[in-house]
Amino acid sequence: MERFGMVALEVPPQADLLKIRELLEHGETKEWWHWEEGCVTAAWEATARP
């Protein structure tokens, strides 16, 4: 990951989207990484905190 500076993930529809979002947000809070969203679904958007 450090060599390329970017990793892309494709999340399967049956994955626990809330847990994935929590992991991504936790890593960003700890300054381990920055993440961005690409093509997202309504199910993914529903996991966002207001």
N, C-alpha and C. Protein backbone atom coordinates (compact mmCIF):
# COMPACT_ATOMS: atom_id res chain seq x y z
N MET A 1 0.82 -1.19 0.00
CA MET A 1 0.00 0.00 0.00
C MET A 1 0.87 1.26 0.00
N GLU A 2 1.91 1.28 0.80
CA GLU A 2 2.76 2.46 0.85
C GLU A 2 3.45 2.71 -0.48
N ARG A 3 3.77 1.66 -1.19
CA ARG A 3 4.47 1.82 -2.46
C ARG A 3 3.61 2.56 -3.49
N PHE A 4 2.33 2.26 -3.53
CA PHE A 4 1.45 2.84 -4.53
C PHE A 4 0.64 4.02 -4.01
N GLY A 5 0.40 4.07 -2.72
CA GLY A 5 -0.33 5.19 -2.15
C GLY A 5 -1.83 5.14 -2.34
N MET A 6 -2.33 4.09 -3.00
CA MET A 6 -3.77 4.01 -3.20
C MET A 6 -4.19 2.54 -3.27
N VAL A 7 -5.34 2.27 -2.69
CA VAL A 7 -5.92 0.93 -2.75
C VAL A 7 -7.39 1.10 -3.08
N ALA A 8 -7.89 0.29 -3.96
CA ALA A 8 -9.32 0.31 -4.30
C ALA A 8 -9.97 -0.96 -3.76
N LEU A 9 -11.15 -0.80 -3.21
CA LEU A 9 -11.88 -1.93 -2.67
C LEU A 9 -13.24 -2.03 -3.36
N GLU A 10 -13.62 -3.23 -3.68
CA GLU A 10 -14.97 -3.49 -4.16
C GLU A 10 -15.65 -4.29 -3.07
N VAL A 11 -16.70 -3.73 -2.52
CA VAL A 11 -17.38 -4.35 -1.39
C VAL A 11 -18.58 -5.16 -1.91
N PRO A 12 -18.63 -6.45 -1.57
CA PRO A 12 -19.76 -7.26 -2.04
C PRO A 12 -21.06 -6.82 -1.36
N PRO A 13 -22.18 -6.99 -2.04
CA PRO A 13 -23.46 -6.53 -1.51
C PRO A 13 -23.87 -7.17 -0.19
N GLN A 14 -23.41 -8.37 0.09
CA GLN A 14 -23.79 -9.05 1.33
C GLN A 14 -22.90 -8.66 2.50
N ALA A 15 -21.92 -7.80 2.29
CA ALA A 15 -21.00 -7.38 3.36
C ALA A 15 -21.73 -6.51 4.39
N ASP A 16 -21.20 -6.49 5.59
CA ASP A 16 -21.75 -5.65 6.66
C ASP A 16 -21.25 -4.22 6.44
N LEU A 17 -22.03 -3.44 5.73
CA LEU A 17 -21.62 -2.09 5.33
C LEU A 17 -21.36 -1.17 6.50
N LEU A 18 -22.13 -1.31 7.55
CA LEU A 18 -21.91 -0.46 8.73
C LEU A 18 -20.55 -0.75 9.34
N LYS A 19 -20.17 -2.00 9.46
CA LYS A 19 -18.86 -2.36 10.02
C LYS A 19 -17.72 -1.85 9.13
N ILE A 20 -17.90 -1.93 7.82
CA ILE A 20 -16.88 -1.44 6.90
C ILE A 20 -16.72 0.07 7.06
N ARG A 21 -17.84 0.79 7.13
CA ARG A 21 -17.76 2.24 7.31
C ARG A 21 -17.08 2.58 8.64
N GLU A 22 -17.43 1.85 9.70
CA GLU A 22 -16.81 2.09 11.01
C GLU A 22 -15.31 1.89 10.94
N LEU A 23 -14.86 0.85 10.24
CA LEU A 23 -13.43 0.59 10.10
C LEU A 23 -12.75 1.73 9.33
N LEU A 24 -13.35 2.15 8.23
CA LEU A 24 -12.76 3.23 7.44
C LEU A 24 -12.68 4.53 8.25
N GLU A 25 -13.75 4.85 8.96
CA GLU A 25 -13.76 6.07 9.76
C GLU A 25 -12.76 5.99 10.91
N HIS A 26 -12.64 4.82 11.52
CA HIS A 26 -11.69 4.64 12.62
C HIS A 26 -10.26 4.87 12.12
N GLY A 27 -9.93 4.29 10.99
CA GLY A 27 -8.59 4.45 10.42
C GLY A 27 -8.30 5.90 10.05
N GLU A 28 -9.31 6.60 9.59
CA GLU A 28 -9.10 8.01 9.25
C GLU A 28 -8.92 8.84 10.53
N THR A 29 -9.67 8.54 11.57
CA THR A 29 -9.54 9.23 12.85
C THR A 29 -8.14 9.04 13.41
N LYS A 30 -7.59 7.84 13.28
CA LYS A 30 -6.25 7.52 13.77
C LYS A 30 -5.15 8.05 12.84
N GLU A 31 -5.56 8.64 11.71
CA GLU A 31 -4.65 9.16 10.68
C GLU A 31 -3.81 8.05 10.05
N TRP A 32 -4.40 6.85 9.96
CA TRP A 32 -3.72 5.76 9.27
C TRP A 32 -3.94 5.87 7.77
N TRP A 33 -5.07 6.45 7.37
CA TRP A 33 -5.38 6.60 5.95
C TRP A 33 -6.45 7.66 5.76
N HIS A 34 -6.62 8.03 4.52
CA HIS A 34 -7.72 8.89 4.08
C HIS A 34 -8.50 8.04 3.07
N TRP A 35 -9.79 8.15 3.11
CA TRP A 35 -10.58 7.36 2.17
C TRP A 35 -11.59 8.23 1.46
N GLU A 36 -11.93 7.80 0.26
CA GLU A 36 -12.92 8.48 -0.57
C GLU A 36 -13.87 7.44 -1.12
N GLU A 37 -15.06 7.89 -1.42
CA GLU A 37 -16.06 7.00 -1.99
C GLU A 37 -16.10 7.17 -3.51
N GLY A 38 -16.36 6.07 -4.17
CA GLY A 38 -16.53 6.10 -5.61
C GLY A 38 -18.00 5.90 -5.94
N CYS A 39 -18.28 4.84 -6.62
CA CYS A 39 -19.67 4.50 -6.95
C CYS A 39 -20.31 3.89 -5.71
N VAL A 40 -21.29 4.57 -5.16
CA VAL A 40 -21.92 4.09 -3.94
C VAL A 40 -23.39 3.78 -4.17
N THR A 41 -23.92 2.94 -3.30
CA THR A 41 -25.32 2.56 -3.38
C THR A 41 -26.11 3.28 -2.29
N ALA A 42 -27.41 3.19 -2.38
CA ALA A 42 -28.28 3.76 -1.35
C ALA A 42 -28.03 3.06 -0.01
N ALA A 43 -27.74 1.76 -0.05
CA ALA A 43 -27.46 1.02 1.18
C ALA A 43 -26.20 1.57 1.86
N TRP A 44 -25.19 1.91 1.09
CA TRP A 44 -23.96 2.49 1.64
C TRP A 44 -24.24 3.87 2.22
N GLU A 45 -24.95 4.67 1.49
CA GLU A 45 -25.28 6.03 1.95
C GLU A 45 -26.10 5.98 3.24
N ALA A 46 -26.90 4.95 3.43
CA ALA A 46 -27.72 4.82 4.62
C ALA A 46 -26.88 4.60 5.88
N THR A 47 -25.62 4.18 5.73
CA THR A 47 -24.76 3.95 6.89
C THR A 47 -24.08 5.24 7.36
N ALA A 48 -24.19 6.31 6.60
CA ALA A 48 -23.54 7.57 6.96
C ALA A 48 -24.21 8.19 8.18
N ARG A 49 -23.38 8.78 9.01
CA ARG A 49 -23.91 9.48 10.18
C ARG A 49 -24.36 10.87 9.76
N PRO A 50 -25.45 11.34 10.38
CA PRO A 50 -25.95 12.67 9.99
C PRO A 50 -25.01 13.79 10.37
